[in-house]
Protein backbone atom coordinates (compact mmCIF):
# COMPACT_ATOMS: atom_id res chain seq x y z
CA MET A 1 80.27 -62.39 -108.24
CA LYS A 2 76.64 -62.26 -106.31
CA ASP A 3 77.43 -62.17 -102.99
CA ASN A 4 75.48 -65.67 -102.11
CA GLU A 5 77.60 -67.14 -104.78
CA LEU A 6 80.57 -66.39 -103.62
CA LYS A 7 79.85 -67.03 -100.57
CA ARG A 8 79.12 -70.04 -101.69
CA LYS A 9 82.63 -70.41 -103.52
CA GLU A 10 84.44 -69.73 -100.35
CA HIS A 11 82.05 -72.37 -97.95
CA GLU A 12 82.95 -74.97 -100.34
CA ALA A 13 86.87 -74.67 -101.10
CA VAL A 14 87.39 -74.92 -97.14
CA ARG A 15 84.59 -77.71 -96.79
CA CYS A 16 85.71 -79.52 -100.11
CA GLY A 17 89.07 -78.59 -100.75
CA VAL A 18 91.25 -75.48 -99.02
CA GLY A 19 91.10 -71.90 -98.27
CA TYR A 20 93.28 -69.45 -96.65
CA TYR A 21 93.07 -66.21 -94.86
CA ASP A 22 94.16 -63.74 -92.36
CA PHE A 23 92.13 -64.61 -88.99
CA THR A 24 94.31 -62.71 -86.45
CA HIS A 25 93.40 -62.37 -83.12
CA GLN A 26 94.27 -59.94 -80.41
CA ILE A 27 97.12 -61.92 -78.39
CA LEU A 28 97.98 -61.76 -75.24
CA ASP A 29 101.98 -62.93 -73.76
CA VAL A 30 101.64 -64.06 -70.47
CA LYS A 31 104.68 -65.59 -68.73
CA GLY A 32 106.15 -65.92 -64.35
CA LYS A 33 106.28 -68.72 -62.39
CA ASP A 34 102.74 -67.48 -61.05
CA ALA A 35 101.43 -67.81 -64.20
CA ALA A 36 98.99 -70.68 -64.07
CA THR A 37 98.02 -70.72 -60.96
CA PHE A 38 96.69 -66.63 -61.84
CA LEU A 39 95.41 -68.70 -65.25
CA ASP A 40 93.20 -71.16 -63.07
CA LYS A 41 91.99 -68.60 -61.51
CA VAL A 42 90.73 -66.32 -64.10
CA PHE A 43 89.66 -69.67 -66.26
CA VAL A 44 87.37 -71.90 -66.10
CA ASN A 45 89.18 -74.96 -67.06
CA ASP A 46 91.94 -76.81 -66.18
CA ILE A 47 95.05 -74.63 -66.87
CA LYS A 48 97.33 -75.49 -64.53
CA ASN A 49 98.04 -79.55 -65.70
CA MET A 50 98.15 -78.20 -69.81
CA LYS A 51 100.86 -80.17 -71.49
CA LYS A 52 103.32 -77.77 -73.49
CA GLY A 53 103.08 -77.25 -76.55
CA HIS A 54 98.88 -77.83 -76.54
CA ALA A 55 95.55 -75.85 -76.44
CA LEU A 56 92.63 -75.64 -74.82
CA TYR A 57 89.54 -73.76 -74.97
CA THR A 58 87.96 -72.39 -72.23
CA THR A 59 85.92 -69.18 -70.74
CA MET A 60 86.47 -66.37 -68.20
CA LEU A 61 83.80 -65.75 -65.91
CA ASN A 62 82.57 -62.62 -64.21
CA GLU A 63 81.39 -62.98 -60.38
CA GLU A 64 77.51 -63.08 -60.91
CA GLY A 65 79.24 -66.83 -62.88
CA LYS A 66 78.56 -65.49 -66.47
CA ILE A 67 80.74 -65.32 -69.69
CA ILE A 68 82.41 -62.55 -70.15
CA ASP A 69 85.18 -63.94 -72.90
CA ASP A 70 85.87 -67.33 -74.72
CA VAL A 71 89.85 -67.95 -75.80
CA ILE A 72 92.18 -70.00 -77.01
CA VAL A 73 94.89 -70.01 -74.43
CA PHE A 74 98.56 -72.27 -75.84
CA ARG A 75 100.71 -73.57 -73.69
CA LEU A 76 104.47 -72.69 -75.20
CA GLU A 77 106.33 -73.39 -72.17
CA GLU A 78 106.49 -74.22 -68.55
CA ASP A 79 105.78 -70.95 -67.64
CA LYS A 80 104.95 -69.22 -71.05
CA TYR A 81 101.17 -68.51 -72.24
CA LEU A 82 99.72 -67.40 -75.42
CA ILE A 83 96.35 -66.18 -75.17
CA SER A 84 93.74 -65.16 -78.25
CA THR A 85 90.99 -63.25 -78.12
CA LEU A 86 88.77 -60.54 -79.54
CA TYR A 87 88.00 -58.62 -76.34
CA ILE A 88 92.23 -58.16 -75.22
CA ASP A 89 91.40 -54.49 -73.75
CA LYS A 90 88.55 -56.37 -71.72
CA MET A 91 90.49 -59.14 -70.49
CA ILE A 92 93.88 -57.00 -69.17
CA LYS A 93 91.61 -54.75 -67.00
CA TRP A 94 90.02 -57.90 -65.63
CA PHE A 95 93.80 -59.22 -65.08
CA ASP A 96 95.18 -56.51 -63.77
CA LYS A 97 92.19 -56.60 -61.08
CA PHE A 98 92.79 -60.07 -59.75
CA LYS A 99 96.70 -59.92 -59.92
CA ASP A 100 98.00 -58.88 -57.04
CA GLY A 101 100.75 -60.51 -55.26
CA CYS A 102 101.33 -62.95 -58.20
CA ASP A 103 104.84 -63.39 -59.89
CA LEU A 104 103.29 -63.04 -63.39
CA ASP A 105 103.99 -60.41 -66.65
CA TYR A 106 101.04 -60.18 -69.53
CA LYS A 107 101.40 -57.62 -72.46
CA ASP A 108 99.34 -57.32 -75.85
CA ILE A 109 101.72 -58.87 -78.37
CA THR A 110 98.71 -58.22 -81.52
CA SER A 111 101.11 -55.73 -83.42
CA ARG A 112 103.47 -58.17 -83.96
CA VAL A 113 101.80 -61.58 -84.50
CA THR A 114 99.77 -62.59 -87.81
CA MET A 115 97.63 -65.66 -87.97
CA PHE A 116 96.85 -66.85 -91.72
CA ALA A 117 94.07 -69.71 -91.22
CA ILE A 118 94.68 -72.75 -93.84
CA GLN A 119 91.44 -74.77 -94.07
CA GLY A 120 89.76 -78.11 -95.62
CA PRO A 121 90.55 -81.42 -96.47
CA LYS A 122 94.05 -80.55 -98.82
CA SER A 123 94.84 -78.19 -95.58
CA ARG A 124 97.61 -81.14 -94.23
CA ASP A 125 99.03 -80.72 -97.62
CA LEU A 126 99.63 -77.76 -98.74
CA VAL A 127 100.92 -76.75 -95.30
CA ASN A 128 103.27 -79.23 -95.92
CA LYS A 129 104.11 -78.06 -98.89
CA ILE A 130 105.22 -74.71 -97.37
CA VAL A 131 106.99 -75.05 -93.76
CA ASP A 132 110.39 -76.92 -93.53
CA GLU A 133 109.22 -79.09 -90.98
CA ASP A 134 106.67 -82.04 -91.95
CA ILE A 135 102.99 -81.29 -89.41
CA SER A 136 101.87 -84.50 -90.34
CA ASN A 137 101.31 -85.71 -86.68
CA LEU A 138 101.01 -82.34 -85.56
CA LYS A 139 97.52 -83.49 -83.69
CA PHE A 140 94.58 -81.88 -83.03
CA PHE A 141 94.74 -78.67 -80.73
CA THR A 142 98.01 -78.98 -80.39
CA ILE A 143 101.31 -76.09 -81.17
CA GLU A 144 104.89 -76.18 -82.47
CA ASP A 145 107.43 -74.38 -84.01
CA ASN A 146 108.58 -74.89 -87.12
CA SER A 147 110.04 -72.45 -90.13
CA VAL A 148 109.07 -71.29 -93.82
CA GLY A 149 113.00 -71.05 -95.50
CA ASP A 150 114.86 -68.38 -93.18
CA LEU A 151 110.98 -67.45 -91.52
CA ASP A 152 110.24 -68.42 -87.66
CA ILE A 153 107.04 -69.40 -87.98
CA MET A 154 104.48 -71.36 -85.27
CA VAL A 155 101.96 -74.13 -86.31
CA ALA A 156 98.58 -74.66 -84.67
CA ARG A 157 96.34 -77.40 -85.23
CA ALA A 158 93.55 -75.64 -84.73
CA GLY A 159 90.63 -73.61 -86.69
CA PHE A 160 86.95 -72.36 -86.45
CA THR A 161 85.64 -74.13 -89.77
CA GLY A 162 84.11 -77.58 -88.90
CA GLU A 163 87.18 -79.28 -91.04
CA LEU A 164 90.96 -80.26 -91.16
CA GLY A 165 93.21 -76.65 -90.72
CA TYR A 166 95.76 -75.53 -89.13
CA GLU A 167 96.86 -71.67 -88.35
CA LEU A 168 100.15 -70.23 -89.21
CA TYR A 169 102.31 -67.40 -86.58
CA VAL A 170 104.78 -65.62 -88.05
CA GLU A 171 106.01 -61.73 -87.31
CA SER A 172 104.21 -58.91 -88.59
CA GLY A 173 106.74 -57.47 -90.26
CA LYS A 174 107.69 -61.11 -91.97
CA LYS A 175 103.58 -61.74 -93.16
CA GLU A 176 103.83 -60.66 -96.57
CA LYS A 177 106.57 -63.33 -97.14
CA LEU A 178 105.06 -66.12 -95.60
CA GLU A 179 101.43 -65.30 -97.34
CA GLU A 180 103.72 -65.45 -100.60
CA LYS A 181 104.64 -68.52 -100.49
CA ILE A 182 101.19 -69.98 -98.88
CA LYS A 183 99.78 -68.68 -102.21
CA GLU A 184 101.97 -69.72 -104.61
CA CYS A 185 102.18 -73.25 -103.18
CA GLY A 186 98.63 -73.30 -102.85
CA LYS A 187 98.09 -73.10 -106.69
CA GLU A 188 97.83 -77.18 -107.08
CA PHE A 189 95.56 -77.44 -104.62
CA GLY A 190 93.19 -74.98 -106.17
CA LEU A 191 93.83 -73.02 -102.64
CA ILE A 192 90.55 -69.85 -102.08
CA ASN A 193 91.48 -66.57 -100.75
CA ILE A 194 88.48 -66.49 -98.13
CA THR A 195 86.38 -63.13 -97.76
CA THR A 196 83.67 -63.31 -97.22
CA ASP A 197 81.86 -63.85 -93.57
CA VAL A 198 81.57 -67.09 -93.80
CA ILE A 199 84.54 -67.73 -91.42
CA ILE A 200 82.16 -66.80 -88.38
CA GLY A 201 78.66 -67.30 -90.30
CA SER A 202 78.20 -71.07 -92.35
CA LEU A 203 81.07 -72.63 -91.58
CA PRO A 204 81.02 -72.51 -88.18
CA GLY A 205 77.52 -71.72 -87.91
CA GLU A 206 77.07 -75.59 -89.31
CA LYS A 207 79.55 -76.61 -87.08
CA GLY A 208 77.84 -75.66 -83.56
CA TYR A 209 80.95 -73.25 -82.79
CA VAL A 210 79.74 -69.94 -81.06
CA LEU A 211 81.18 -66.72 -80.92
CA MET A 212 80.33 -64.45 -77.52
CA SER A 213 77.21 -62.64 -79.53
CA ASP A 214 75.42 -66.22 -78.67
CA LEU A 215 77.22 -66.23 -74.77
CA GLU A 216 76.49 -62.82 -73.81
CA GLY A 217 74.92 -63.34 -70.30
CA THR A 218 75.21 -66.34 -70.17
CA ASN A 219 77.47 -69.66 -68.18
CA PRO A 220 78.61 -72.47 -69.63
CA LEU A 221 76.34 -74.52 -67.93
CA GLU A 222 73.58 -72.94 -70.71
CA VAL A 223 75.21 -73.39 -73.59
CA GLY A 224 76.15 -76.64 -73.66
CA TYR A 225 80.17 -75.77 -72.21
CA ASP A 226 80.19 -77.76 -68.42
CA TRP A 227 82.91 -80.06 -69.77
CA THR A 228 85.44 -77.31 -69.56
CA VAL A 229 84.49 -76.28 -65.97
CA HIS A 230 87.30 -77.49 -63.87
CA TRP A 231 85.35 -77.91 -60.52
CA ASP A 232 88.81 -78.37 -58.48
CA SER A 233 89.70 -75.32 -59.40
CA ASP A 234 89.27 -72.17 -57.40
CA PHE A 235 87.86 -69.98 -59.83
CA ILE A 236 86.29 -66.23 -60.56
CA GLY A 237 82.44 -67.12 -60.47
CA LYS A 238 82.80 -70.98 -58.91
CA ASP A 239 80.11 -69.78 -56.12
CA ALA A 240 77.86 -69.13 -58.30
CA LEU A 241 78.13 -71.24 -61.11
CA LEU A 242 77.29 -73.80 -58.40
CA LYS A 243 74.64 -72.39 -57.47
CA GLU A 244 73.32 -73.04 -61.17
CA LYS A 245 74.82 -76.72 -61.44
CA ASP A 246 71.80 -78.10 -60.54
CA ASP A 247 68.90 -76.35 -62.29
CA VAL A 248 70.20 -74.68 -65.29
CA LYS A 249 67.49 -72.38 -66.94
CA ARG A 250 68.04 -72.20 -70.35
CA ASP A 251 69.90 -74.03 -73.18
CA LEU A 252 71.14 -73.27 -76.33
CA LEU A 253 69.98 -74.88 -78.90
CA GLY A 254 70.06 -75.33 -82.85
CA PHE A 255 66.85 -74.28 -85.31
CA GLU A 256 66.21 -74.82 -88.93
CA LEU A 257 63.28 -72.96 -90.58
CA PHE A 258 60.28 -74.58 -92.62
CA GLU A 259 60.36 -71.62 -94.88
CA GLU A 260 62.41 -68.68 -96.48
CA GLY A 261 62.65 -66.01 -94.44
CA GLU A 262 65.19 -63.61 -92.70
CA VAL A 263 65.75 -63.84 -88.99
CA GLU A 264 68.05 -61.73 -87.20
CA ALA A 265 69.86 -62.03 -83.63
CA GLY A 266 67.98 -60.93 -81.02
CA ASP A 267 64.36 -61.89 -82.77
CA ALA A 268 62.19 -63.59 -79.74
CA VAL A 269 61.06 -67.39 -80.63
CA LEU A 270 58.18 -67.95 -79.15
CA LEU A 271 56.29 -71.66 -78.35
CA ASP A 272 52.16 -71.85 -78.74
CA GLY A 273 52.41 -67.57 -78.96
CA ARG A 274 54.79 -67.08 -75.57
CA GLU A 275 58.19 -65.78 -75.87
CA ILE A 276 60.71 -68.14 -74.44
CA GLY A 277 64.03 -66.74 -75.65
CA LYS A 278 65.35 -65.21 -78.37
CA VAL A 279 67.63 -65.96 -81.55
CA THR A 280 71.83 -65.88 -81.54
CA LYS A 281 73.01 -66.47 -84.64
CA PHE A 282 70.92 -66.75 -88.04
CA THR A 283 73.13 -67.94 -91.68
CA TYR A 284 72.19 -70.10 -94.85
CA GLY A 285 73.98 -73.36 -94.24
CA TYR A 286 75.69 -74.38 -97.89
CA THR A 287 75.99 -77.40 -96.95
CA VAL A 288 72.97 -78.40 -95.36
CA GLU A 289 71.46 -76.62 -97.75
CA LYS A 290 69.07 -75.31 -95.05
CA PHE A 291 68.80 -71.87 -92.73
CA ILE A 292 69.84 -72.07 -89.52
CA GLY A 293 70.40 -70.69 -86.29
CA TYR A 294 71.00 -71.02 -83.03
CA CYS A 295 68.58 -70.00 -80.32
CA LEU A 296 69.01 -69.17 -76.49
CA ILE A 297 65.55 -70.75 -74.92
CA GLU A 298 63.53 -71.84 -71.78
CA LYS A 299 65.33 -75.42 -70.66
CA GLU A 300 62.33 -76.93 -70.40
CA CYS A 301 60.91 -76.41 -73.65
CA ALA A 302 64.74 -77.01 -75.64
CA ILE A 303 63.47 -80.60 -76.91
CA GLU A 304 64.75 -81.34 -80.67
CA GLY A 305 61.76 -81.19 -83.13
CA LYS A 306 59.70 -79.05 -81.72
CA GLU A 307 57.82 -76.77 -83.60
CA VAL A 308 58.46 -73.19 -82.62
CA GLU A 309 57.82 -69.28 -84.08
CA ILE A 310 60.90 -66.38 -84.86
CA LYS A 311 59.05 -63.04 -84.70
CA THR A 312 60.82 -61.29 -87.14
CA LYS A 313 60.35 -57.72 -88.32
CA ASP A 314 57.99 -59.18 -91.20
CA GLY A 315 55.84 -61.60 -88.83
CA ASP A 316 56.29 -64.83 -87.88
CA ILE A 317 58.34 -67.74 -89.19
CA LYS A 318 58.12 -71.40 -88.23
CA ALA A 319 61.33 -73.21 -87.36
CA LYS A 320 62.15 -76.87 -85.78
CA LEU A 321 64.57 -76.77 -82.74
CA CYS A 322 67.39 -79.01 -83.21
CA ASP A 323 70.77 -80.33 -82.38
CA ARG A 324 72.96 -77.35 -82.67
CA ILE A 325 75.30 -79.02 -84.28
CA PHE A 326 74.26 -79.39 -88.43
CA TYR A 327 77.88 -80.94 -89.61
CA ASP A 328 79.82 -83.86 -89.13
CA LYS A 329 78.51 -84.57 -85.65
CA GLU A 330 81.10 -87.13 -84.69
CA ASN A 331 84.14 -84.48 -85.82
CA LYS A 332 85.46 -87.29 -88.27
CA ARG A 333 86.61 -83.79 -90.68
CA VAL A 334 88.11 -81.94 -87.71
CA ARG A 335 90.58 -85.07 -86.79
CA GLY A 336 91.33 -86.09 -90.14
């Protein structure tokens, strides 16, 4: 099967049925009586007021207020957290720099944990076939213990696809046993094993989800993440971010091409011949049937519907600026 045909098949499996894949990120285990206070210092969102069993999206800033990581924080117990990241070595060094005087312990447990993402409209039915305890009432962005026979697992209702979805966490030494169960139960649902880059390309790209490659060098206010900033916390980078609050100069917007073309991250975006920013993401959206992407541009030029040109290695390509969310703007699919 040709690459694009396979990508379309896998993309549509998640949009219309159910797909699964090993999507294990790096995981930091954090615990101690000062854990909440410390995490409120290194992250911009409100960690200390999280409920047990809940998850929270947040970013980590440097002293200049720029994003250096974006993560998911799970609060498992009063003083115990799991942090899912792709840059754990950098995170540990950052924690080391600011931990003095704090009663907390953190360690990389990535090698001990595997996570399978099960995503799509049929994911709830499939997961209920797999696990022992019914997960029908599991709320979005929460996590709870469960089991699969003699396997102890955790189930989170989360994902990076824009569909109803779940993440199953299991001890890495027992992942084959869980995967066999997933595949066995998945037969009646037409389960597809996702093997291509649609999990970081077309699926999240249609939904407006970002990677660090989109966030590099930005602050949360420039990428529409002001809702994640808990201004009452004394987080690292707050002073710098406060100075930007009333004078945000850039915006991360969506774009769609008027014509077929090859665009790459880093390509310049031009308005009336003047460079106003750069492309951060480009993909084909198999559901919206368009070539789409994101661009980080001057805020005064970030007007939906405005026509721009993208300077590629093969020449300028015409595009239209638009909302970064191309699919399910009301979030009905995710909330199932």
